[in-house]
Amino acid sequence: MFVVSVRTSKKKVLAVCCVIVIIAILAVIIALGRNVEPVSASVPGGTNEERVAYLNSLGWEVQQEPISTKEVIIPNEFDQVFELYNAVQKQQGFDLAPYKGKTCQQFCYQVTNYEADSTVQATLLVCDGIIIGGDLSSTREGGFTQPLLKKGDS
């Protein structure tokens, strides 16, 4: 009979677990994104009406005015979190990589038809009047972030 003993630290175990989780998340994102049609090269979003119309075209009903608006800078270098967020963008046909270092506008709208969940917001990123990305997210504790796919496709 052979006995094998392995000594490892909690940090190493945690690091391996994090890598496994990241790989699993990327695998799910890639699997879900295979059937997504790319977004048109230029989705207009310079006006509130264009942004609301875009969200409506995906089947999402939103309040007519954004609940928040702010300026954001797309990082020059993507860290792991931003790589995962950009993977969500690619899943819906967007890609933030060409906008590294650019200043964009972020608009958040309250979604009014996401099942029975009143904590869901639609976020759009707009650069030079063009929608370059976005997501649906829940603001509740333990919420979610998902692509802005057509309602029923998510």
C-alpha atoms as a PDB file:
ATOM      1  CA  MET A   1       0.000   0.000   0.000  1.00  0.00           C
ATOM      2  CA  PHE A   2       1.244   3.487  -0.930  1.00  0.00           C
ATOM      3  CA  VAL A   3       0.462   6.666   0.937  1.00  0.00           C
ATOM      4  CA  VAL A   4       0.885  10.015  -0.783  1.00  0.00           C
ATOM      5  CA  SER A   5       0.979  13.166   1.244  1.00  0.00           C
ATOM      6  CA  VAL A   6       0.679  16.622  -0.312  1.00  0.00           C
ATOM      7  CA  ARG A   7       1.273  19.862   1.567  1.00  0.00           C
ATOM      8  CA  THR A   8      -0.194  23.013   0.186  1.00  0.00           C
ATOM      9  CA  SER A   9      -1.160  26.397   1.508  1.00  0.00           C
ATOM     10  CA  LYS A  10      -4.631  27.882   1.607  1.00  0.00           C
ATOM     11  CA  LYS A  11      -3.446  30.595  -0.809  1.00  0.00           C
ATOM     12  CA  LYS A  12      -2.523  28.009  -3.442  1.00  0.00           C
ATOM     13  CA  VAL A  13      -5.846  26.208  -3.066  1.00  0.00           C
ATOM     14  CA  LEU A  14      -7.713  29.516  -3.325  1.00  0.00           C
ATOM     15  CA  ALA A  15      -5.716  30.521  -6.413  1.00  0.00           C
ATOM     16  CA  VAL A  16      -6.486  27.202  -8.129  1.00  0.00           C
ATOM     17  CA  CYS A  17     -10.184  27.572  -7.270  1.00  0.00           C
ATOM     18  CA  CYS A  18     -10.246  31.118  -8.698  1.00  0.00           C
ATOM     19  CA  VAL A  19      -8.660  29.942 -11.940  1.00  0.00           C
ATOM     20  CA  ILE A  20     -11.198  27.114 -12.230  1.00  0.00           C
ATOM     21  CA  VAL A  21     -14.104  29.536 -11.646  1.00  0.00           C
ATOM     22  CA  ILE A  22     -12.778  31.992 -14.258  1.00  0.00           C
ATOM     23  CA  ILE A  23     -12.359  29.193 -16.801  1.00  0.00           C
ATOM     24  CA  ALA A  24     -15.891  27.967 -16.089  1.00  0.00           C
ATOM     25  CA  ILE A  25     -17.341  31.475 -16.500  1.00  0.00           C
ATOM     26  CA  LEU A  26     -15.505  31.989 -19.782  1.00  0.00           C
ATOM     27  CA  ALA A  27     -16.685  28.585 -21.040  1.00  0.00           C
ATOM     28  CA  VAL A  28     -20.313  29.486 -20.283  1.00  0.00           C
ATOM     29  CA  ILE A  29     -19.948  32.907 -21.923  1.00  0.00           C
ATOM     30  CA  ILE A  30     -18.395  31.370 -25.032  1.00  0.00           C
ATOM     31  CA  ALA A  31     -21.057  28.656 -25.211  1.00  0.00           C
ATOM     32  CA  LEU A  32     -23.898  31.166 -24.865  1.00  0.00           C
ATOM     33  CA  GLY A  33     -22.373  33.593 -27.341  1.00  0.00           C
ATOM     34  CA  ARG A  34     -22.130  31.238 -30.294  1.00  0.00           C
ATOM     35  CA  ASN A  35     -25.644  31.911 -31.569  1.00  0.00           C
ATOM     36  CA  VAL A  36     -25.598  35.688 -31.129  1.00  0.00           C
ATOM     37  CA  GLU A  37     -25.760  37.833 -34.219  1.00  0.00           C
ATOM     38  CA  PRO A  38     -23.238  40.680 -34.232  1.00  0.00           C
ATOM     39  CA  VAL A  39     -24.568  44.134 -33.489  1.00  0.00           C
ATOM     40  CA  SER A  40     -24.608  46.539 -36.383  1.00  0.00           C
ATOM     41  CA  ALA A  41     -21.390  48.534 -36.650  1.00  0.00           C
ATOM     42  CA  SER A  42     -23.144  51.658 -35.477  1.00  0.00           C
ATOM     43  CA  VAL A  43     -26.158  51.549 -33.195  1.00  0.00           C
ATOM     44  CA  PRO A  44     -27.190  55.170 -32.701  1.00  0.00           C
ATOM     45  CA  GLY A  45     -27.382  56.239 -29.073  1.00  0.00           C
ATOM     46  CA  GLY A  46     -26.646  59.939 -29.055  1.00  0.00           C
ATOM     47  CA  THR A  47     -30.131  60.896 -27.890  1.00  0.00           C
ATOM     48  CA  ASN A  48     -32.324  59.565 -25.126  1.00  0.00           C
ATOM     49  CA  GLU A  49     -34.952  58.574 -27.699  1.00  0.00           C
ATOM     50  CA  GLU A  50     -32.411  56.467 -29.633  1.00  0.00           C
ATOM     51  CA  ARG A  51     -31.247  54.699 -26.470  1.00  0.00           C
ATOM     52  CA  VAL A  52     -34.784  53.940 -25.294  1.00  0.00           C
ATOM     53  CA  ALA A  53     -35.742  52.780 -28.813  1.00  0.00           C
ATOM     54  CA  TYR A  54     -32.736  50.409 -28.857  1.00  0.00           C
ATOM     55  CA  LEU A  55     -33.710  48.881 -25.505  1.00  0.00           C
ATOM     56  CA  ASN A  56     -37.339  48.604 -26.685  1.00  0.00           C
ATOM     57  CA  SER A  57     -36.177  46.868 -29.891  1.00  0.00           C
ATOM     58  CA  LEU A  58     -34.682  44.158 -27.663  1.00  0.00           C
ATOM     59  CA  GLY A  59     -38.003  43.773 -25.867  1.00  0.00           C
ATOM     60  CA  TRP A  60     -37.020  45.672 -22.713  1.00  0.00           C
ATOM     61  CA  GLU A  61     -39.443  48.275 -21.421  1.00  0.00           C
ATOM     62  CA  VAL A  62     -37.672  51.010 -19.483  1.00  0.00           C
ATOM     63  CA  GLN A  63     -38.556  54.261 -17.787  1.00  0.00           C
ATOM     64  CA  GLN A  64     -38.244  57.051 -20.333  1.00  0.00           C
ATOM     65  CA  GLU A  65     -35.498  58.933 -18.473  1.00  0.00           C
ATOM     66  CA  PRO A  66     -32.236  57.418 -17.245  1.00  0.00           C
ATOM     67  CA  ILE A  67     -31.911  56.957 -13.482  1.00  0.00           C
ATOM     68  CA  SER A  68     -28.218  57.843 -13.726  1.00  0.00           C
ATOM     69  CA  THR A  69     -25.795  59.242 -16.247  1.00  0.00           C
ATOM     70  CA  LYS A  70     -22.050  59.476 -15.826  1.00  0.00           C
ATOM     71  CA  GLU A  71     -18.805  59.704 -17.696  1.00  0.00           C
ATOM     72  CA  VAL A  72     -16.629  56.577 -17.685  1.00  0.00           C
ATOM     73  CA  ILE A  73     -13.213  55.835 -19.102  1.00  0.00           C
ATOM     74  CA  ILE A  74     -12.616  52.472 -20.742  1.00  0.00           C
ATOM     75  CA  PRO A  75      -9.320  51.288 -19.199  1.00  0.00           C
ATOM     76  CA  ASN A  76      -6.178  51.204 -21.353  1.00  0.00           C
ATOM     77  CA  GLU A  77      -5.404  47.739 -19.982  1.00  0.00           C
ATOM     78  CA  PHE A  78      -8.162  45.269 -19.120  1.00  0.00           C
ATOM     79  CA  ASP A  79      -7.818  43.428 -15.815  1.00  0.00           C
ATOM     80  CA  GLN A  80      -9.511  40.051 -15.239  1.00  0.00           C
ATOM     81  CA  VAL A  81     -12.804  41.637 -14.205  1.00  0.00           C
ATOM     82  CA  PHE A  82     -12.910  43.887 -17.262  1.00  0.00           C
ATOM     83  CA  GLU A  83     -11.928  40.966 -19.532  1.00  0.00           C
ATOM     84  CA  LEU A  84     -14.958  39.083 -18.187  1.00  0.00           C
ATOM     85  CA  TYR A  85     -17.162  42.152 -18.709  1.00  0.00           C
ATOM     86  CA  ASN A  86     -15.883  42.510 -22.274  1.00  0.00           C
ATOM     87  CA  ALA A  87     -16.665  38.811 -22.820  1.00  0.00           C
ATOM     88  CA  VAL A  88     -20.277  39.681 -21.906  1.00  0.00           C
ATOM     89  CA  GLN A  89     -20.111  42.492 -24.483  1.00  0.00           C
ATOM     90  CA  LYS A  90     -18.772  40.152 -27.157  1.00  0.00           C
ATOM     91  CA  GLN A  91     -21.598  37.740 -26.371  1.00  0.00           C
ATOM     92  CA  GLN A  92     -24.020  40.360 -27.687  1.00  0.00           C
ATOM     93  CA  GLY A  93     -21.904  41.532 -30.611  1.00  0.00           C
ATOM     94  CA  PHE A  94     -20.081  44.464 -28.982  1.00  0.00           C
ATOM     95  CA  ASP A  95     -16.355  44.743 -28.200  1.00  0.00           C
ATOM     96  CA  LEU A  96     -14.874  47.398 -25.934  1.00  0.00           C
ATOM     97  CA  ALA A  97     -11.239  46.743 -26.934  1.00  0.00           C
ATOM     98  CA  PRO A  98     -11.233  49.373 -29.727  1.00  0.00           C
ATOM     99  CA  TYR A  99     -12.336  51.959 -27.141  1.00  0.00           C
ATOM    100  CA  LYS A 100      -9.468  51.444 -24.670  1.00  0.00           C
ATOM    101  CA  GLY A 101      -8.560  54.763 -23.082  1.00  0.00           C
ATOM    102  CA  LYS A 102     -11.618  56.579 -24.457  1.00  0.00           C
ATOM    103  CA  THR A 103     -14.127  58.527 -22.392  1.00  0.00           C
ATOM    104  CA  CYS A 104     -17.729  57.395 -22.844  1.00  0.00           C
ATOM    105  CA  GLN A 105     -21.123  58.122 -21.348  1.00  0.00           C
ATOM    106  CA  GLN A 106     -22.899  55.519 -19.218  1.00  0.00           C
ATOM    107  CA  PHE A 107     -26.706  55.623 -19.056  1.00  0.00           C
ATOM    108  CA  CYS A 108     -28.680  53.445 -16.613  1.00  0.00           C
ATOM    109  CA  TYR A 109     -32.401  52.857 -17.152  1.00  0.00           C
ATOM    110  CA  GLN A 110     -34.876  51.139 -14.834  1.00  0.00           C
ATOM    111  CA  VAL A 111     -36.261  48.030 -16.559  1.00  0.00           C
ATOM    112  CA  THR A 112     -39.996  47.638 -15.932  1.00  0.00           C
ATOM    113  CA  ASN A 113     -40.667  44.250 -17.555  1.00  0.00           C
ATOM    114  CA  TYR A 114     -37.999  41.900 -16.190  1.00  0.00           C
ATOM    115  CA  GLU A 115     -40.213  39.178 -14.759  1.00  0.00           C
ATOM    116  CA  ALA A 116     -41.191  40.228 -11.227  1.00  0.00           C
ATOM    117  CA  ASP A 117     -37.829  41.801 -10.429  1.00  0.00           C
ATOM    118  CA  SER A 118     -37.953  45.559  -9.928  1.00  0.00           C
ATOM    119  CA  THR A 119     -34.216  45.807  -9.217  1.00  0.00           C
ATOM    120  CA  VAL A 120     -33.092  45.297 -12.819  1.00  0.00           C
ATOM    121  CA  GLN A 121     -31.379  48.087 -14.720  1.00  0.00           C
ATOM    122  CA  ALA A 122     -30.246  48.350 -18.316  1.00  0.00           C
ATOM    123  CA  THR A 123     -26.894  50.065 -18.732  1.00  0.00           C
ATOM    124  CA  LEU A 124     -25.706  51.463 -22.065  1.00  0.00           C
ATOM    125  CA  LEU A 125     -22.224  52.698 -22.916  1.00  0.00           C
ATOM    126  CA  VAL A 126     -22.189  55.402 -25.584  1.00  0.00           C
ATOM    127  CA  CYS A 127     -19.120  56.818 -27.301  1.00  0.00           C
ATOM    128  CA  ASP A 128     -19.384  59.559 -29.947  1.00  0.00           C
ATOM    129  CA  GLY A 129     -23.150  59.030 -30.205  1.00  0.00           C
ATOM    130  CA  ILE A 130     -22.837  55.272 -30.840  1.00  0.00           C
ATOM    131  CA  ILE A 131     -23.862  52.493 -28.421  1.00  0.00           C
ATOM    132  CA  ILE A 132     -20.703  50.460 -27.847  1.00  0.00           C
ATOM    133  CA  GLY A 133     -21.886  48.149 -25.061  1.00  0.00           C
ATOM    134  CA  GLY A 134     -24.326  47.508 -22.293  1.00  0.00           C
ATOM    135  CA  ASP A 135     -25.784  45.010 -19.884  1.00  0.00           C
ATOM    136  CA  LEU A 136     -28.714  44.085 -17.703  1.00  0.00           C
ATOM    137  CA  SER A 137     -27.989  43.896 -14.003  1.00  0.00           C
ATOM    138  CA  SER A 138     -29.779  43.447 -10.733  1.00  0.00           C
ATOM    139  CA  THR A 139     -28.967  45.902  -7.980  1.00  0.00           C
ATOM    140  CA  ARG A 140     -29.993  43.554  -5.196  1.00  0.00           C
ATOM    141  CA  GLU A 141     -27.417  41.801  -3.040  1.00  0.00           C
ATOM    142  CA  GLY A 142     -26.078  38.781  -4.911  1.00  0.00           C
ATOM    143  CA  GLY A 143     -27.563  40.181  -8.140  1.00  0.00           C
ATOM    144  CA  PHE A 144     -26.439  39.424 -11.682  1.00  0.00           C
ATOM    145  CA  THR A 145     -24.989  40.982 -14.789  1.00  0.00           C
ATOM    146  CA  GLN A 146     -25.982  39.590 -18.165  1.00  0.00           C
ATOM    147  CA  PRO A 147     -25.930  40.608 -21.825  1.00  0.00           C
ATOM    148  CA  LEU A 148     -28.588  42.876 -23.310  1.00  0.00           C
ATOM    149  CA  LEU A 149     -29.903  40.090 -25.507  1.00  0.00           C
ATOM    150  CA  LYS A 150     -33.415  40.171 -26.852  1.00  0.00           C
ATOM    151  CA  LYS A 151     -35.947  39.432 -24.171  1.00  0.00           C
ATOM    152  CA  GLY A 152     -36.427  35.685 -24.013  1.00  0.00           C
ATOM    153  CA  ASP A 153     -32.953  34.911 -25.458  1.00  0.00           C
ATOM    154  CA  SER A 154     -31.080  35.299 -22.166  1.00  0.00           C
END
